[in-house]
Amino acid sequence: MRYRHVLAAAAAISLGAGHAAAQSLAQRVGDAGDGLIQLRFASRPGVCGDGRGMIAGGDHMMLGDGGWSEGSGGWRRRCQPGPVRVVLRKTNGAVERVSSFIGGNDSGADVHDLGTISAQEAATYLLALARDAPHGVGNGAVVGAILADSTAPWPALAEVARDAHSHETRQDAAFWLGQAAAARITGTTLFGDRGDETPSDDEEVRGEAIFALSQQPRGQSVPALISVARTNRDPVLRRKALFWLGQSGDPRAIDLFSEILTGAEH
């Protein structure tokens, strides 16, 4: 009789573990209650962070507010290669803030740690969250999703760029789509170093012309920039055109990014 009880208890534990594994990440976040919730997953090659708010990728450095700037400081010598660490703050059952980091750890009685999850599941969850959330959630969620290793979140990111509740989140998603499209056409990775791309005098002049074009009304600038991105033979100028298209957030630019990233462009 005692042996049967042991078997029954073992079976119950096994079923419970299987149920937990089968739960979606959204369900696990929902069940975690209010407060801070931490999750971790593998990061893309080429990125690192200080665990607090600075993230470096290729030739760029991300600041704590999610903005990107050229170059990086001496802190990069202490840059950790991963994993991505996302911290969500829940209040009254709703996620009200998402912060994405690389490296570091938030621990303590006030942090519900969900442990390490798959990068794909994390990216899927974060982009779904970004679509309907305010920018304080959407920005961090988009950054976390594009940092996830071995993922190609471009169709879902394009949906965020088109339909997200927050205008700022739509702009963030469009920017990253443009960056990914530029990496695709130049045969580099999203966070890879560009190497020595010192432009010629002629390229500098044409690059300034592309910038001037980007400042024109969208009815003029977007079709012209799309033409440069599609047909120009110089990858540096194509990247510049894609950058400014990403800044525009125009639906025609989103369509172009989607074509490039899904291999539909020839």
Protein backbone atom coordinates (compact mmCIF):
# COMPACT_ATOMS: atom_id res chain seq x y z
CA MET A 1 0.00 0.00 0.00
CA ARG A 2 2.79 2.41 0.91
CA TYR A 3 4.50 1.58 -2.42
CA ARG A 4 1.31 2.61 -4.28
CA HIS A 5 1.23 5.92 -2.42
CA VAL A 6 4.83 6.58 -3.38
CA LEU A 7 4.07 5.83 -7.04
CA ALA A 8 1.00 8.06 -6.96
CA ALA A 9 2.98 10.91 -5.43
CA ALA A 10 5.73 10.50 -8.02
CA ALA A 11 3.17 10.52 -10.82
CA ALA A 12 1.55 13.67 -9.45
CA ILE A 13 4.93 15.43 -9.28
CA SER A 14 5.71 14.33 -12.84
CA LEU A 15 2.37 15.56 -14.14
CA GLY A 16 2.83 18.86 -12.32
CA ALA A 17 6.25 19.37 -13.86
CA GLY A 18 4.91 18.50 -17.30
CA HIS A 19 2.07 20.99 -16.88
CA ALA A 20 4.51 23.75 -15.88
CA ALA A 21 6.66 23.01 -18.93
CA ALA A 22 3.61 23.13 -21.17
CA GLN A 23 2.53 26.52 -19.86
CA SER A 24 3.14 29.41 -22.21
CA LEU A 25 5.43 32.20 -21.13
CA ALA A 26 2.43 34.55 -21.07
CA GLN A 27 0.69 32.21 -18.62
CA ARG A 28 3.76 32.01 -16.42
CA VAL A 29 4.06 35.79 -16.34
CA GLY A 30 0.36 36.05 -15.57
CA ASP A 31 0.62 33.56 -12.72
CA ALA A 32 3.63 35.31 -11.21
CA GLY A 33 1.59 38.05 -9.56
CA ASP A 34 2.50 41.71 -9.19
CA GLY A 35 6.03 42.99 -8.76
CA LEU A 36 9.26 42.30 -10.64
CA ILE A 37 9.54 39.29 -12.93
CA GLN A 38 12.85 38.25 -14.46
CA LEU A 39 13.52 35.97 -17.42
CA ARG A 40 16.72 35.12 -19.27
CA PHE A 41 17.54 33.74 -22.71
CA ALA A 42 20.46 33.41 -25.12
CA SER A 43 21.66 36.57 -26.88
CA ARG A 44 22.64 37.12 -30.51
CA PRO A 45 26.34 36.94 -31.38
CA GLY A 46 28.04 40.33 -31.38
CA VAL A 47 26.19 41.93 -28.46
CA CYS A 48 27.27 42.43 -24.87
CA GLY A 49 26.23 44.55 -21.90
CA ASP A 50 27.13 45.72 -18.43
CA GLY A 51 24.01 44.18 -16.86
CA ARG A 52 22.60 47.58 -15.87
CA GLY A 53 21.52 49.46 -18.99
CA MET A 54 24.38 49.69 -21.47
CA ILE A 55 24.36 47.34 -24.46
CA ALA A 56 26.91 47.29 -27.25
CA GLY A 57 26.39 45.72 -30.64
CA GLY A 58 28.78 46.02 -33.56
CA ASP A 59 29.52 49.69 -34.13
CA HIS A 60 26.77 50.94 -31.86
CA MET A 61 26.07 51.43 -28.19
CA MET A 62 22.60 51.39 -26.72
CA LEU A 63 21.88 53.76 -23.88
CA GLY A 64 19.67 53.01 -20.93
CA ASP A 65 16.62 54.60 -22.57
CA GLY A 66 16.87 52.36 -25.64
CA GLY A 67 18.43 54.97 -27.94
CA TRP A 68 21.47 54.11 -30.00
CA SER A 69 24.57 56.14 -30.72
CA GLU A 70 27.80 55.63 -32.63
CA GLY A 71 30.83 54.30 -30.78
CA SER A 72 31.28 52.98 -27.27
CA GLY A 73 33.15 53.94 -24.14
CA GLY A 74 35.77 52.23 -22.03
CA TRP A 75 33.05 50.37 -20.13
CA ARG A 76 32.88 47.97 -23.08
CA ARG A 77 36.00 46.23 -21.79
CA ARG A 78 33.77 44.93 -18.99
CA CYS A 79 30.97 43.98 -21.40
CA GLN A 80 29.36 40.58 -20.74
CA PRO A 81 28.32 38.54 -23.80
CA GLY A 82 25.02 37.34 -22.38
CA PRO A 83 22.46 36.18 -21.64
CA VAL A 84 19.69 38.66 -22.38
CA ARG A 85 17.89 39.51 -19.16
CA VAL A 86 14.41 41.01 -19.29
CA VAL A 87 12.77 42.43 -16.17
CA LEU A 88 9.03 43.10 -16.23
CA ARG A 89 7.19 45.16 -13.65
CA LYS A 90 3.57 44.16 -13.07
CA THR A 91 1.00 46.29 -11.26
CA ASN A 92 -2.63 45.28 -10.76
CA GLY A 93 -2.11 42.31 -13.04
CA ALA A 94 -0.76 44.30 -16.00
CA VAL A 95 2.80 44.65 -17.26
CA GLU A 96 3.59 48.36 -16.96
CA ARG A 97 7.33 48.36 -17.67
CA VAL A 98 9.82 46.19 -19.55
CA SER A 99 13.58 46.67 -19.22
CA SER A 100 16.06 44.68 -21.30
CA PHE A 101 19.68 44.09 -20.30
CA ILE A 102 22.56 41.82 -21.19
CA GLY A 103 24.31 40.19 -18.28
CA GLY A 104 23.83 40.91 -14.61
CA ASN A 105 21.15 39.50 -12.37
CA ASP A 106 18.24 40.80 -10.33
CA SER A 107 17.76 38.56 -7.33
CA GLY A 108 15.99 38.79 -4.03
CA ALA A 109 12.70 38.07 -2.38
CA ASP A 110 11.00 40.81 -4.39
CA VAL A 111 11.94 39.30 -7.80
CA HIS A 112 10.06 36.36 -9.31
CA ASP A 113 12.69 34.61 -11.45
CA LEU A 114 11.28 32.52 -14.30
CA GLY A 115 14.73 31.18 -15.09
CA THR A 116 16.16 30.54 -18.55
CA ILE A 117 13.71 30.12 -21.42
CA SER A 118 14.12 29.60 -25.16
CA ALA A 119 15.06 32.66 -27.19
CA GLN A 120 12.29 31.95 -29.69
CA GLU A 121 9.58 31.78 -27.02
CA ALA A 122 10.89 34.97 -25.44
CA ALA A 123 10.89 36.91 -28.75
CA THR A 124 7.38 35.71 -29.60
CA TYR A 125 6.03 36.74 -26.21
CA LEU A 126 7.78 40.11 -26.14
CA LEU A 127 6.60 41.19 -29.60
CA ALA A 128 3.02 40.16 -28.81
CA LEU A 129 3.30 42.23 -25.63
CA ALA A 130 4.70 45.22 -27.55
CA ARG A 131 1.75 45.42 -29.95
CA ASP A 132 -0.89 46.40 -27.42
CA ALA A 133 1.18 48.07 -24.71
CA PRO A 134 2.23 51.67 -24.00
CA HIS A 135 5.71 52.74 -25.02
CA GLY A 136 7.20 52.11 -21.58
CA VAL A 137 6.48 48.45 -22.25
CA GLY A 138 6.85 48.39 -26.03
CA ASN A 139 10.36 49.85 -26.23
CA GLY A 140 11.95 47.38 -23.83
CA ALA A 141 9.98 44.49 -25.31
CA VAL A 142 11.14 45.27 -28.87
CA VAL A 143 14.78 45.58 -27.75
CA GLY A 144 14.57 42.27 -25.89
CA ALA A 145 13.09 40.52 -28.92
CA ILE A 146 15.73 41.70 -31.39
CA LEU A 147 18.52 40.68 -28.97
CA ALA A 148 17.23 37.08 -28.81
CA ASP A 149 19.57 34.53 -30.35
CA SER A 150 18.74 32.44 -33.43
CA THR A 151 15.47 34.20 -34.12
CA ALA A 152 14.10 35.87 -37.24
CA PRO A 153 11.28 37.90 -35.70
CA TRP A 154 10.79 40.10 -38.76
CA PRO A 155 7.16 39.25 -39.71
CA ALA A 156 6.04 39.82 -36.12
CA LEU A 157 8.19 42.94 -35.84
CA ALA A 158 6.63 44.26 -39.06
CA GLU A 159 3.21 43.79 -37.46
CA VAL A 160 4.37 45.84 -34.49
CA ALA A 161 5.69 48.55 -36.85
CA ARG A 162 2.31 48.71 -38.57
CA ASP A 163 -0.19 48.14 -35.78
CA ALA A 164 1.31 48.74 -32.33
CA HIS A 165 -0.84 50.78 -29.97
CA SER A 166 2.02 53.22 -29.29
CA HIS A 167 3.32 55.47 -32.06
CA GLU A 168 6.76 55.43 -30.44
CA THR A 169 6.78 51.63 -30.39
CA ARG A 170 5.88 51.57 -34.09
CA GLN A 171 8.87 53.86 -34.73
CA ASP A 172 11.18 51.62 -32.68
CA ALA A 173 10.07 48.55 -34.62
CA ALA A 174 10.49 50.33 -37.97
CA PHE A 175 14.01 51.39 -37.00
CA TRP A 176 15.07 47.82 -36.24
CA LEU A 177 13.45 46.51 -39.39
CA GLY A 178 15.50 49.04 -41.36
CA GLN A 179 18.68 47.99 -39.56
CA ALA A 180 17.99 44.32 -40.24
CA ALA A 181 17.19 45.00 -43.90
CA ALA A 182 20.43 46.97 -44.28
CA ALA A 183 22.38 44.07 -42.77
CA ARG A 184 20.68 41.65 -45.16
CA ILE A 185 21.52 43.57 -48.33
CA THR A 186 25.14 44.13 -47.28
CA GLY A 187 25.71 40.53 -46.19
CA THR A 188 26.45 41.40 -42.58
CA THR A 189 24.75 40.54 -39.30
CA LEU A 190 22.43 42.81 -37.38
CA PHE A 191 25.05 43.53 -34.72
CA GLY A 192 28.16 42.88 -36.75
CA ASP A 193 30.98 45.36 -37.20
CA ARG A 194 30.86 47.10 -40.55
CA GLY A 195 34.62 47.12 -40.89
CA ASP A 196 36.43 49.83 -42.82
CA GLU A 197 33.78 51.65 -44.82
CA THR A 198 35.44 55.00 -45.30
CA PRO A 199 33.32 56.63 -48.02
CA SER A 200 34.86 58.28 -51.04
CA ASP A 201 34.33 62.00 -51.63
CA ASP A 202 31.68 61.11 -54.19
CA GLU A 203 29.87 58.83 -51.70
CA GLU A 204 29.92 61.57 -49.08
CA VAL A 205 28.28 64.00 -51.51
CA ARG A 206 25.65 61.46 -52.47
CA GLY A 207 25.13 60.53 -48.84
CA GLU A 208 24.42 64.16 -48.04
CA ALA A 209 22.00 64.21 -50.97
CA ILE A 210 20.18 61.19 -49.50
CA PHE A 211 19.94 62.97 -46.15
CA ALA A 212 18.56 66.10 -47.85
CA LEU A 213 16.08 63.91 -49.70
CA SER A 214 14.94 62.32 -46.44
CA GLN A 215 13.98 65.77 -45.12
CA GLN A 216 11.49 66.35 -47.90
CA PRO A 217 7.75 65.64 -47.53
CA ARG A 218 7.06 61.90 -47.46
CA GLY A 219 5.23 62.00 -50.74
CA GLN A 220 8.54 62.86 -52.37
CA SER A 221 11.14 61.35 -50.05
CA VAL A 222 9.80 57.85 -49.43
CA PRO A 223 9.44 56.76 -53.10
CA ALA A 224 12.86 58.22 -53.94
CA LEU A 225 14.55 56.53 -50.96
CA ILE A 226 12.88 53.24 -51.84
CA SER A 227 14.27 53.57 -55.35
CA VAL A 228 17.80 54.10 -53.98
CA ALA A 229 17.44 51.15 -51.60
CA ARG A 230 16.24 48.86 -54.39
CA THR A 231 18.46 49.84 -57.29
CA ASN A 232 21.65 51.62 -56.20
CA ARG A 233 24.77 49.49 -56.58
CA ASP A 234 26.61 51.06 -53.66
CA PRO A 235 25.80 49.16 -50.42
CA VAL A 236 26.81 52.16 -48.29
CA LEU A 237 24.24 54.39 -50.00
CA ARG A 238 21.60 51.67 -49.91
CA ARG A 239 22.15 51.37 -46.16
CA LYS A 240 21.77 55.13 -45.74
CA ALA A 241 18.51 55.06 -47.69
CA LEU A 242 17.23 52.17 -45.55
CA PHE A 243 18.22 54.02 -42.38
CA TRP A 244 16.15 57.07 -43.31
CA LEU A 245 13.27 54.89 -44.44
CA GLY A 246 13.37 53.28 -41.00
CA GLN A 247 13.17 56.71 -39.41
CA SER A 248 10.11 57.54 -41.50
CA GLY A 249 7.99 54.63 -40.25
CA ASP A 250 6.07 54.90 -43.54
CA PRO A 251 3.97 51.80 -44.43
CA ARG A 252 5.70 51.63 -47.83
CA ALA A 253 9.05 51.40 -46.04
CA ILE A 254 7.74 48.61 -43.80
CA ASP A 255 6.64 46.71 -46.91
CA LEU A 256 10.11 47.08 -48.42
CA PHE A 257 11.81 45.87 -45.23
CA SER A 258 9.51 42.85 -45.15
CA GLU A 259 10.33 42.00 -48.76
CA ILE A 260 14.06 42.17 -48.11
CA LEU A 261 13.94 40.18 -44.89
CA THR A 262 11.71 37.43 -46.26
CA GLY A 263 13.76 37.09 -49.45
CA ALA A 264 11.02 38.37 -51.75
CA GLU A 265 13.16 41.17 -53.15
CA HIS A 266 15.27 40.38 -56.20
